[in-house]
C-alpha atoms as a PDB file:
ATOM      1  CA  MET A   1     -15.180  -3.848 -73.345  1.00  0.00           C
ATOM      2  CA  ILE A   2     -13.125  -0.673 -73.054  1.00  0.00           C
ATOM      3  CA  MET A   3     -12.465   0.002 -77.010  1.00  0.00           C
ATOM      4  CA  ALA A   4     -16.254   0.022 -77.795  1.00  0.00           C
ATOM      5  CA  GLU A   5     -16.476   2.803 -75.116  1.00  0.00           C
ATOM      6  CA  LEU A   6     -14.217   5.056 -77.015  1.00  0.00           C
ATOM      7  CA  HIS A   7     -15.651   7.858 -78.762  1.00  0.00           C
ATOM      8  CA  SER A   8     -14.231   9.763 -81.567  1.00  0.00           C
ATOM      9  CA  ALA A   9     -14.053  13.545 -81.694  1.00  0.00           C
ATOM     10  CA  GLN A  10     -13.504  16.273 -84.272  1.00  0.00           C
ATOM     11  CA  SER A  11     -10.880  15.490 -86.829  1.00  0.00           C
ATOM     12  CA  HIS A  12      -7.348  17.334 -86.344  1.00  0.00           C
ATOM     13  CA  GLY A  13      -5.123  17.632 -89.233  1.00  0.00           C
ATOM     14  CA  GLY A  14      -6.429  14.483 -90.914  1.00  0.00           C
ATOM     15  CA  GLU A  15      -6.677  12.326 -87.557  1.00  0.00           C
ATOM     16  CA  SER A  16      -9.299  11.542 -85.222  1.00  0.00           C
ATOM     17  CA  LEU A  17      -8.748  12.177 -81.930  1.00  0.00           C
ATOM     18  CA  LEU A  18     -10.049   9.759 -79.400  1.00  0.00           C
ATOM     19  CA  PHE A  19     -11.326  11.122 -76.027  1.00  0.00           C
ATOM     20  CA  LEU A  20     -11.315   9.103 -72.592  1.00  0.00           C
ATOM     21  CA  THR A  21     -13.104   9.804 -69.573  1.00  0.00           C
ATOM     22  CA  ASP A  22     -11.404   8.957 -66.421  1.00  0.00           C
ATOM     23  CA  GLU A  23     -13.655   6.334 -65.670  1.00  0.00           C
ATOM     24  CA  GLN A  24     -12.381   4.717 -69.073  1.00  0.00           C
ATOM     25  CA  LEU A  25      -9.025   5.256 -68.270  1.00  0.00           C
ATOM     26  CA  ARG A  26      -9.426   3.888 -64.739  1.00  0.00           C
ATOM     27  CA  GLN A  27     -11.125   0.662 -66.319  1.00  0.00           C
ATOM     28  CA  GLY A  28      -7.956   0.204 -68.695  1.00  0.00           C
ATOM     29  CA  ILE A  29      -5.464   0.488 -65.492  1.00  0.00           C
ATOM     30  CA  GLU A  30      -7.704  -1.889 -63.695  1.00  0.00           C
ATOM     31  CA  ALA A  31      -7.723  -4.203 -67.075  1.00  0.00           C
ATOM     32  CA  MET A  32      -3.788  -3.945 -67.342  1.00  0.00           C
ATOM     33  CA  PHE A  33      -3.382  -5.035 -63.600  1.00  0.00           C
ATOM     34  CA  PHE A  34      -5.669  -7.958 -63.836  1.00  0.00           C
ATOM     35  CA  ALA A  35      -3.961  -8.903 -67.329  1.00  0.00           C
ATOM     36  CA  TYR A  36      -0.716  -8.851 -65.650  1.00  0.00           C
ATOM     37  CA  ARG A  37      -1.738 -10.898 -62.845  1.00  0.00           C
ATOM     38  CA  GLY A  38      -2.696 -13.491 -65.122  1.00  0.00           C
ATOM     39  CA  PHE A  39       0.481 -13.020 -67.428  1.00  0.00           C
ATOM     40  CA  THR A  40       2.442 -13.621 -63.980  1.00  0.00           C
ATOM     41  CA  ALA A  41       0.398 -16.547 -62.694  1.00  0.00           C
ATOM     42  CA  ASP A  42       1.513 -19.567 -64.390  1.00  0.00           C
ATOM     43  CA  PRO A  43       5.370 -18.610 -64.278  1.00  0.00           C
ATOM     44  CA  ASP A  44       4.748 -17.515 -60.405  1.00  0.00           C
ATOM     45  CA  LEU A  45       4.018 -21.078 -59.800  1.00  0.00           C
ATOM     46  CA  ILE A  46       7.109 -22.363 -61.535  1.00  0.00           C
ATOM     47  CA  LEU A  47       9.162 -19.788 -59.857  1.00  0.00           C
ATOM     48  CA  GLN A  48       7.592 -20.706 -56.414  1.00  0.00           C
ATOM     49  CA  GLU A  49       8.600 -24.105 -56.635  1.00  0.00           C
ATOM     50  CA  LEU A  50      12.411 -23.042 -56.728  1.00  0.00           C
ATOM     51  CA  SER A  51      12.079 -20.367 -54.281  1.00  0.00           C
ATOM     52  CA  TYR A  52      12.631 -17.732 -56.948  1.00  0.00           C
ATOM     53  CA  GLY A  53      10.635 -14.440 -57.326  1.00  0.00           C
ATOM     54  CA  ARG A  54       9.599 -12.364 -60.409  1.00  0.00           C
ATOM     55  CA  ALA A  55      12.923 -10.454 -60.166  1.00  0.00           C
ATOM     56  CA  HIS A  56      14.613 -14.041 -61.186  1.00  0.00           C
ATOM     57  CA  HIS A  57      12.217 -14.361 -64.033  1.00  0.00           C
ATOM     58  CA  ARG A  58      12.920 -11.021 -65.484  1.00  0.00           C
ATOM     59  CA  ALA A  59      16.979 -11.279 -65.154  1.00  0.00           C
ATOM     60  CA  ILE A  60      16.684 -15.044 -66.791  1.00  0.00           C
ATOM     61  CA  HIS A  61      14.201 -13.641 -69.479  1.00  0.00           C
ATOM     62  CA  PHE A  62      16.605 -10.777 -70.521  1.00  0.00           C
ATOM     63  CA  ILE A  63      19.806 -12.667 -70.379  1.00  0.00           C
ATOM     64  CA  SER A  64      18.336 -15.222 -72.695  1.00  0.00           C
ATOM     65  CA  CYS A  65      17.175 -12.520 -75.169  1.00  0.00           C
ATOM     66  CA  ALA A  66      20.406 -11.407 -75.292  1.00  0.00           C
ATOM     67  CA  GLN A  67      23.144 -13.790 -74.373  1.00  0.00           C
ATOM     68  CA  GLY A  68      26.376 -12.329 -73.076  1.00  0.00           C
ATOM     69  CA  THR A  69      24.812  -9.275 -72.463  1.00  0.00           C
ATOM     70  CA  THR A  70      26.835  -7.247 -69.657  1.00  0.00           C
ATOM     71  CA  VAL A  71      25.819  -6.755 -66.000  1.00  0.00           C
ATOM     72  CA  ASN A  72      25.338  -2.936 -66.775  1.00  0.00           C
ATOM     73  CA  ASN A  73      23.540  -3.448 -69.818  1.00  0.00           C
ATOM     74  CA  LEU A  74      20.877  -5.694 -67.644  1.00  0.00           C
ATOM     75  CA  LEU A  75      21.060  -3.316 -64.846  1.00  0.00           C
ATOM     76  CA  ALA A  76      19.990  -0.486 -67.584  1.00  0.00           C
ATOM     77  CA  ILE A  77      17.214  -3.011 -69.231  1.00  0.00           C
ATOM     78  CA  LEU A  78      15.715  -4.094 -65.382  1.00  0.00           C
ATOM     79  CA  GLY A  79      15.974  -0.528 -64.233  1.00  0.00           C
ATOM     80  CA  VAL A  80      16.924  -2.012 -60.626  1.00  0.00           C
ATOM     81  CA  THR A  81      19.847  -1.135 -58.489  1.00  0.00           C
ATOM     82  CA  LYS A  82      23.000  -2.925 -58.376  1.00  0.00           C
ATOM     83  CA  GLN A  83      22.635  -4.348 -54.804  1.00  0.00           C
ATOM     84  CA  SER A  84      19.218  -6.057 -55.805  1.00  0.00           C
ATOM     85  CA  LEU A  85      20.427  -7.307 -59.383  1.00  0.00           C
ATOM     86  CA  ASN A  86      23.398  -8.894 -57.540  1.00  0.00           C
ATOM     87  CA  ARG A  87      21.552 -10.707 -55.108  1.00  0.00           C
ATOM     88  CA  VAL A  88      19.387 -12.230 -57.843  1.00  0.00           C
ATOM     89  CA  LEU A  89      22.344 -13.006 -60.119  1.00  0.00           C
ATOM     90  CA  ARG A  90      24.238 -14.570 -56.971  1.00  0.00           C
ATOM     91  CA  THR A  91      21.204 -16.815 -56.546  1.00  0.00           C
ATOM     92  CA  LEU A  92      21.151 -17.746 -60.315  1.00  0.00           C
ATOM     93  CA  ILE A  93      24.848 -18.377 -60.808  1.00  0.00           C
ATOM     94  CA  ALA A  94      24.970 -20.370 -57.319  1.00  0.00           C
ATOM     95  CA  ASP A  95      22.150 -22.390 -58.631  1.00  0.00           C
ATOM     96  CA  GLY A  96      23.857 -23.109 -62.043  1.00  0.00           C
ATOM     97  CA  LEU A  97      21.234 -21.243 -64.184  1.00  0.00           C
ATOM     98  CA  VAL A  98      23.574 -18.356 -65.061  1.00  0.00           C
ATOM     99  CA  GLU A  99      27.375 -18.420 -66.110  1.00  0.00           C
ATOM    100  CA  SER A 100      29.148 -15.099 -65.327  1.00  0.00           C
ATOM    101  CA  ARG A 101      32.380 -14.747 -67.672  1.00  0.00           C
ATOM    102  CA  VAL A 102      35.082 -12.027 -67.611  1.00  0.00           C
ATOM    103  CA  GLY A 103      34.940  -9.719 -70.712  1.00  0.00           C
ATOM    104  CA  ARG A 104      37.563 -10.208 -73.472  1.00  0.00           C
ATOM    105  CA  MET A 105      38.155  -6.787 -74.096  1.00  0.00           C
ATOM    106  CA  ASP A 106      37.314  -5.283 -70.782  1.00  0.00           C
ATOM    107  CA  LYS A 107      38.291  -7.397 -67.686  1.00  0.00           C
ATOM    108  CA  ARG A 108      36.062  -5.313 -65.546  1.00  0.00           C
ATOM    109  CA  GLU A 109      33.117  -6.149 -67.528  1.00  0.00           C
ATOM    110  CA  ARG A 110      30.829  -9.394 -66.695  1.00  0.00           C
ATOM    111  CA  HIS A 111      29.101 -11.182 -69.388  1.00  0.00           C
ATOM    112  CA  LEU A 112      26.110 -13.197 -68.622  1.00  0.00           C
ATOM    113  CA  PHE A 113      24.780 -16.585 -70.252  1.00  0.00           C
ATOM    114  CA  LEU A 114      22.186 -19.050 -69.284  1.00  0.00           C
ATOM    115  CA  THR A 115      23.389 -22.440 -68.849  1.00  0.00           C
ATOM    116  CA  ASP A 116      21.455 -25.219 -70.391  1.00  0.00           C
ATOM    117  CA  ALA A 117      19.651 -25.472 -67.082  1.00  0.00           C
ATOM    118  CA  GLY A 118      18.791 -21.704 -67.377  1.00  0.00           C
ATOM    119  CA  LEU A 119      17.782 -22.369 -70.676  1.00  0.00           C
ATOM    120  CA  ALA A 120      15.437 -24.987 -69.796  1.00  0.00           C
ATOM    121  CA  LEU A 121      13.942 -22.710 -67.012  1.00  0.00           C
ATOM    122  CA  GLU A 122      13.615 -19.804 -69.323  1.00  0.00           C
ATOM    123  CA  GLN A 123      11.977 -22.269 -71.872  1.00  0.00           C
ATOM    124  CA  ARG A 124       9.316 -23.341 -69.066  1.00  0.00           C
ATOM    125  CA  LEU A 125       8.554 -20.065 -67.827  1.00  0.00           C
ATOM    126  CA  SER A 126       8.083 -18.607 -71.354  1.00  0.00           C
ATOM    127  CA  ASP A 127       6.004 -21.361 -72.746  1.00  0.00           C
ATOM    128  CA  ALA A 128       3.629 -20.839 -69.830  1.00  0.00           C
ATOM    129  CA  GLN A 129       3.369 -17.002 -70.884  1.00  0.00           C
ATOM    130  CA  ARG A 130       3.516 -17.533 -74.726  1.00  0.00           C
ATOM    131  CA  SER A 131       0.423 -20.216 -74.243  1.00  0.00           C
ATOM    132  CA  ARG A 132      -1.341 -17.350 -72.511  1.00  0.00           C
ATOM    133  CA  MET A 133      -0.771 -14.411 -75.047  1.00  0.00           C
ATOM    134  CA  ARG A 134      -1.274 -16.934 -78.107  1.00  0.00           C
ATOM    135  CA  ALA A 135      -4.850 -17.596 -76.613  1.00  0.00           C
ATOM    136  CA  ALA A 136      -5.443 -14.215 -76.178  1.00  0.00           C
ATOM    137  CA  PHE A 137      -4.138 -12.999 -79.357  1.00  0.00           C
ATOM    138  CA  ARG A 138      -6.068 -15.638 -81.254  1.00  0.00           C
ATOM    139  CA  GLN A 139      -9.109 -14.351 -79.435  1.00  0.00           C
ATOM    140  CA  VAL A 140      -8.919 -10.651 -80.453  1.00  0.00           C
ATOM    141  CA  GLY A 141      -7.373 -11.125 -83.920  1.00  0.00           C
ATOM    142  CA  PRO A 142      -4.444  -9.368 -85.649  1.00  0.00           C
ATOM    143  CA  GLU A 143      -5.848  -5.714 -85.626  1.00  0.00           C
ATOM    144  CA  ALA A 144      -6.152  -5.849 -82.007  1.00  0.00           C
ATOM    145  CA  VAL A 145      -2.874  -7.327 -81.466  1.00  0.00           C
ATOM    146  CA  ALA A 146      -1.029  -4.672 -83.462  1.00  0.00           C
ATOM    147  CA  GLY A 147      -3.132  -2.113 -81.468  1.00  0.00           C
ATOM    148  CA  PHE A 148      -2.041  -3.547 -78.135  1.00  0.00           C
ATOM    149  CA  ARG A 149       1.457  -3.427 -79.159  1.00  0.00           C
ATOM    150  CA  LYS A 150       1.338  -0.123 -80.384  1.00  0.00           C
ATOM    151  CA  VAL A 151      -0.661   1.067 -77.002  1.00  0.00           C
ATOM    152  CA  LEU A 152       2.143  -0.634 -75.221  1.00  0.00           C
ATOM    153  CA  GLU A 153       4.881   0.995 -77.259  1.00  0.00           C
ATOM    154  CA  ALA A 154       3.299   4.461 -76.518  1.00  0.00           C
ATOM    155  CA  MET A 155       3.432   3.829 -72.655  1.00  0.00           C
ATOM    156  CA  MET A 156       7.131   3.602 -72.649  1.00  0.00           C
ATOM    157  CA  ASP A 157       9.410   6.749 -72.201  1.00  0.00           C
ATOM    158  CA  THR A 158      12.242   7.123 -74.933  1.00  0.00           C
ATOM    159  CA  GLU A 159      14.735   4.976 -73.075  1.00  0.00           C
ATOM    160  CA  MET A 160      12.502   2.302 -72.546  1.00  0.00           C
ATOM    161  CA  GLN A 161      11.495   2.445 -76.279  1.00  0.00           C
ATOM    162  CA  ARG A 162      15.415   2.385 -77.322  1.00  0.00           C
ATOM    163  CA  GLN A 163      16.217  -0.479 -75.258  1.00  0.00           C
ATOM    164  CA  TYR A 164      12.862  -2.742 -76.506  1.00  0.00           C
ATOM    165  CA  ARG A 165      14.106  -1.775 -79.967  1.00  0.00           C
ATOM    166  CA  ALA A 166      17.473  -3.016 -79.427  1.00  0.00           C
ATOM    167  CA  LEU A 167      16.100  -6.154 -77.821  1.00  0.00           C
ATOM    168  CA  ARG A 168      13.681  -6.958 -81.112  1.00  0.00           C
ATOM    169  CA  GLU A 169      16.675  -5.977 -83.242  1.00  0.00           C
ATOM    170  CA  GLY A 170      19.089  -8.395 -81.735  1.00  0.00           C
ATOM    171  CA  ARG A 171      16.515 -10.996 -82.285  1.00  0.00           C
ATOM    172  CA  GLY A 172      16.654 -10.466 -85.901  1.00  0.00           C
END
């Protein structure tokens, strides 16, 4: 296991520094690729039934997290082009999974909501991922889960961290 291969170096300002070899980092990168493949495998099967891809899943997920979010906010969260997001949204709206409403304060804004069918699909997709994560988290224990979250957050750039915190705070 990668964590067992870490070795501590001298203490610097009260903190123990970790030094990783290139091989250990490569193993971590490979583990992340395979974990992502596992994390997306079950939802991919569901999406395939509907002729959707991961872009549809990401849009559904983040609309669900912040019902009423604007298209511009979703663009910022997903980090995609307006053209690619519009293609995905057109499909989801046409299929009755997402509703787009004109803003009350600013008529130029479009606010996005999942319909009942969209909420049901989001539930199916998330249930598959929660099941896999729950099993993994139970296997490794709370300290590893906390460490895993810290690693993921440390890999985010400043803007991603801001968006992540905003989503978490919006959920309460």
